[in-house]
Amino acid sequence: MAATSSSGDAVVVTTTGGCTNVGNDVTITSSSVPCVVHYNVPASTNYDAAPEVTDTSTTGKASQTITVTRQRQPRLTLATPSPWRQPPAQVMR
């Protein structure tokens, strides 16, 4: 968000309700309480204070989904005889 004044003086941003701010960065802290951003320009040597401007926003909880993907099991192919496989028994005559 960016706010400017016609005088070029700095705009002071404050918040109430379901949000906080650090400088011009506003963070929503509640999905059930409206966030009100207040914009003010104080009086200076050459200008009177500007009338406050407010902006109210209400957010809701975002939906979420779960997706499960089953991985196909790899097919194993033995390139060499398995050491666990016993050779066929020899019949002695």
C-alpha atoms as a PDB file:
ATOM      1  CA  MET A   1       0.000   0.000   0.000  1.00  0.00           C
ATOM      2  CA  ALA A   2       1.187   3.517  -0.681  1.00  0.00           C
ATOM      3  CA  ALA A   3      -0.274   6.801   0.496  1.00  0.00           C
ATOM      4  CA  THR A   4       0.867  10.262  -0.500  1.00  0.00           C
ATOM      5  CA  SER A   5      -0.247  13.762   0.431  1.00  0.00           C
ATOM      6  CA  SER A   6      -0.679  16.758  -1.874  1.00  0.00           C
ATOM      7  CA  SER A   7       1.742  18.714   0.340  1.00  0.00           C
ATOM      8  CA  GLY A   8       4.428  16.083  -0.021  1.00  0.00           C
ATOM      9  CA  ASP A   9       4.462  15.642   3.764  1.00  0.00           C
ATOM     10  CA  ALA A  10       4.667  12.102   5.083  1.00  0.00           C
ATOM     11  CA  VAL A  11       1.440  10.170   5.611  1.00  0.00           C
ATOM     12  CA  VAL A  12       1.229   8.512   9.026  1.00  0.00           C
ATOM     13  CA  VAL A  13      -0.368   5.052   8.893  1.00  0.00           C
ATOM     14  CA  THR A  14      -1.973   3.466  11.958  1.00  0.00           C
ATOM     15  CA  THR A  15      -4.328   0.516  12.333  1.00  0.00           C
ATOM     16  CA  THR A  16      -7.120  -0.645  14.629  1.00  0.00           C
ATOM     17  CA  GLY A  17      -9.143  -3.821  14.788  1.00  0.00           C
ATOM     18  CA  GLY A  18      -7.931  -7.073  13.322  1.00  0.00           C
ATOM     19  CA  CYS A  19      -4.580  -5.899  11.965  1.00  0.00           C
ATOM     20  CA  THR A  20      -1.258  -4.362  12.887  1.00  0.00           C
ATOM     21  CA  ASN A  21       1.229  -2.263  10.994  1.00  0.00           C
ATOM     22  CA  VAL A  22       4.896  -1.456  10.911  1.00  0.00           C
ATOM     23  CA  GLY A  23       5.272   1.680   8.831  1.00  0.00           C
ATOM     24  CA  ASN A  24       3.224   1.148   5.670  1.00  0.00           C
ATOM     25  CA  ASP A  25       3.209  -2.667   5.974  1.00  0.00           C
ATOM     26  CA  VAL A  26      -0.160  -3.872   7.289  1.00  0.00           C
ATOM     27  CA  THR A  27      -0.634  -7.431   8.566  1.00  0.00           C
ATOM     28  CA  ILE A  28      -4.079  -8.968   9.020  1.00  0.00           C
ATOM     29  CA  THR A  29      -4.264 -10.644  12.456  1.00  0.00           C
ATOM     30  CA  SER A  30      -7.908 -11.728  12.569  1.00  0.00           C
ATOM     31  CA  SER A  31     -10.282 -13.213  10.043  1.00  0.00           C
ATOM     32  CA  SER A  32     -13.325 -12.206  12.107  1.00  0.00           C
ATOM     33  CA  VAL A  33     -12.520  -8.629  13.183  1.00  0.00           C
ATOM     34  CA  PRO A  34     -12.495  -5.862  10.547  1.00  0.00           C
ATOM     35  CA  CYS A  35      -9.145  -4.150   9.933  1.00  0.00           C
ATOM     36  CA  VAL A  36      -9.247  -0.362   9.830  1.00  0.00           C
ATOM     37  CA  VAL A  37      -6.267   1.484   8.361  1.00  0.00           C
ATOM     38  CA  HIS A  38      -6.058   5.176   9.309  1.00  0.00           C
ATOM     39  CA  TYR A  39      -4.140   7.638   7.123  1.00  0.00           C
ATOM     40  CA  ASN A  40      -3.170  10.996   8.615  1.00  0.00           C
ATOM     41  CA  VAL A  41      -0.981  13.942   7.683  1.00  0.00           C
ATOM     42  CA  PRO A  42      -0.269  16.182  10.662  1.00  0.00           C
ATOM     43  CA  ALA A  43      -0.152  19.972  10.391  1.00  0.00           C
ATOM     44  CA  SER A  44       3.149  21.468   9.342  1.00  0.00           C
ATOM     45  CA  THR A  45       4.571  24.984   9.050  1.00  0.00           C
ATOM     46  CA  ASN A  46       2.895  25.544   5.687  1.00  0.00           C
ATOM     47  CA  TYR A  47      -0.142  23.217   5.804  1.00  0.00           C
ATOM     48  CA  ASP A  48      -3.070  22.406   8.064  1.00  0.00           C
ATOM     49  CA  ALA A  49      -3.586  18.793   9.051  1.00  0.00           C
ATOM     50  CA  ALA A  50      -5.280  16.785   6.326  1.00  0.00           C
ATOM     51  CA  PRO A  51      -8.623  15.148   7.137  1.00  0.00           C
ATOM     52  CA  GLU A  52      -8.166  11.530   8.158  1.00  0.00           C
ATOM     53  CA  VAL A  53      -8.837   8.895   5.531  1.00  0.00           C
ATOM     54  CA  THR A  54      -9.759   5.349   6.630  1.00  0.00           C
ATOM     55  CA  ASP A  55      -9.975   2.077   4.766  1.00  0.00           C
ATOM     56  CA  THR A  56     -11.818  -0.873   6.312  1.00  0.00           C
ATOM     57  CA  SER A  57     -11.242  -4.445   5.171  1.00  0.00           C
ATOM     58  CA  THR A  58     -12.733  -7.693   6.344  1.00  0.00           C
ATOM     59  CA  THR A  59     -11.192 -10.986   5.433  1.00  0.00           C
ATOM     60  CA  GLY A  60     -12.515 -14.476   5.829  1.00  0.00           C
ATOM     61  CA  LYS A  61     -10.847 -17.750   6.393  1.00  0.00           C
ATOM     62  CA  ALA A  62      -9.476 -19.312   3.243  1.00  0.00           C
ATOM     63  CA  SER A  63     -10.670 -22.768   2.256  1.00  0.00           C
ATOM     64  CA  GLN A  64      -8.249 -25.604   2.029  1.00  0.00           C
ATOM     65  CA  THR A  65      -8.228 -29.008   0.442  1.00  0.00           C
ATOM     66  CA  ILE A  66      -6.283 -32.204   0.928  1.00  0.00           C
ATOM     67  CA  THR A  67      -5.069 -34.210  -2.032  1.00  0.00           C
ATOM     68  CA  VAL A  68      -3.668 -37.689  -1.593  1.00  0.00           C
ATOM     69  CA  THR A  69      -1.712 -39.180  -4.466  1.00  0.00           C
ATOM     70  CA  ARG A  70      -0.679 -42.795  -4.252  1.00  0.00           C
ATOM     71  CA  GLN A  71       2.667 -43.505  -5.738  1.00  0.00           C
ATOM     72  CA  ARG A  72       2.779 -46.490  -8.032  1.00  0.00           C
ATOM     73  CA  GLN A  73       5.104 -49.129  -6.667  1.00  0.00           C
ATOM     74  CA  PRO A  74       8.042 -49.735  -8.975  1.00  0.00           C
ATOM     75  CA  ARG A  75       8.207 -53.151 -10.584  1.00  0.00           C
ATOM     76  CA  LEU A  76      11.378 -54.918  -9.551  1.00  0.00           C
ATOM     77  CA  THR A  77      13.237 -57.031 -12.072  1.00  0.00           C
ATOM     78  CA  LEU A  78      16.203 -59.046 -10.927  1.00  0.00           C
ATOM     79  CA  ALA A  79      19.063 -58.881 -13.356  1.00  0.00           C
ATOM     80  CA  THR A  80      21.041 -61.604 -11.581  1.00  0.00           C
ATOM     81  CA  PRO A  81      19.868 -64.681  -9.715  1.00  0.00           C
ATOM     82  CA  SER A  82      18.814 -63.892  -6.213  1.00  0.00           C
ATOM     83  CA  PRO A  83      21.160 -65.185  -3.504  1.00  0.00           C
ATOM     84  CA  TRP A  84      18.093 -66.233  -1.545  1.00  0.00           C
ATOM     85  CA  ARG A  85      16.757 -68.490  -4.261  1.00  0.00           C
ATOM     86  CA  GLN A  86      17.843 -72.082  -3.831  1.00  0.00           C
ATOM     87  CA  PRO A  87      18.877 -74.024  -6.932  1.00  0.00           C
ATOM     88  CA  PRO A  88      16.688 -77.056  -7.727  1.00  0.00           C
ATOM     89  CA  ALA A  89      17.625 -80.099  -5.699  1.00  0.00           C
ATOM     90  CA  GLN A  90      19.793 -82.668  -7.489  1.00  0.00           C
ATOM     91  CA  VAL A  91      18.389 -86.139  -7.500  1.00  0.00           C
ATOM     92  CA  MET A  92      21.116 -88.798  -7.124  1.00  0.00           C
ATOM     93  CA  ARG A  93      20.563 -92.117  -8.966  1.00  0.00           C
END
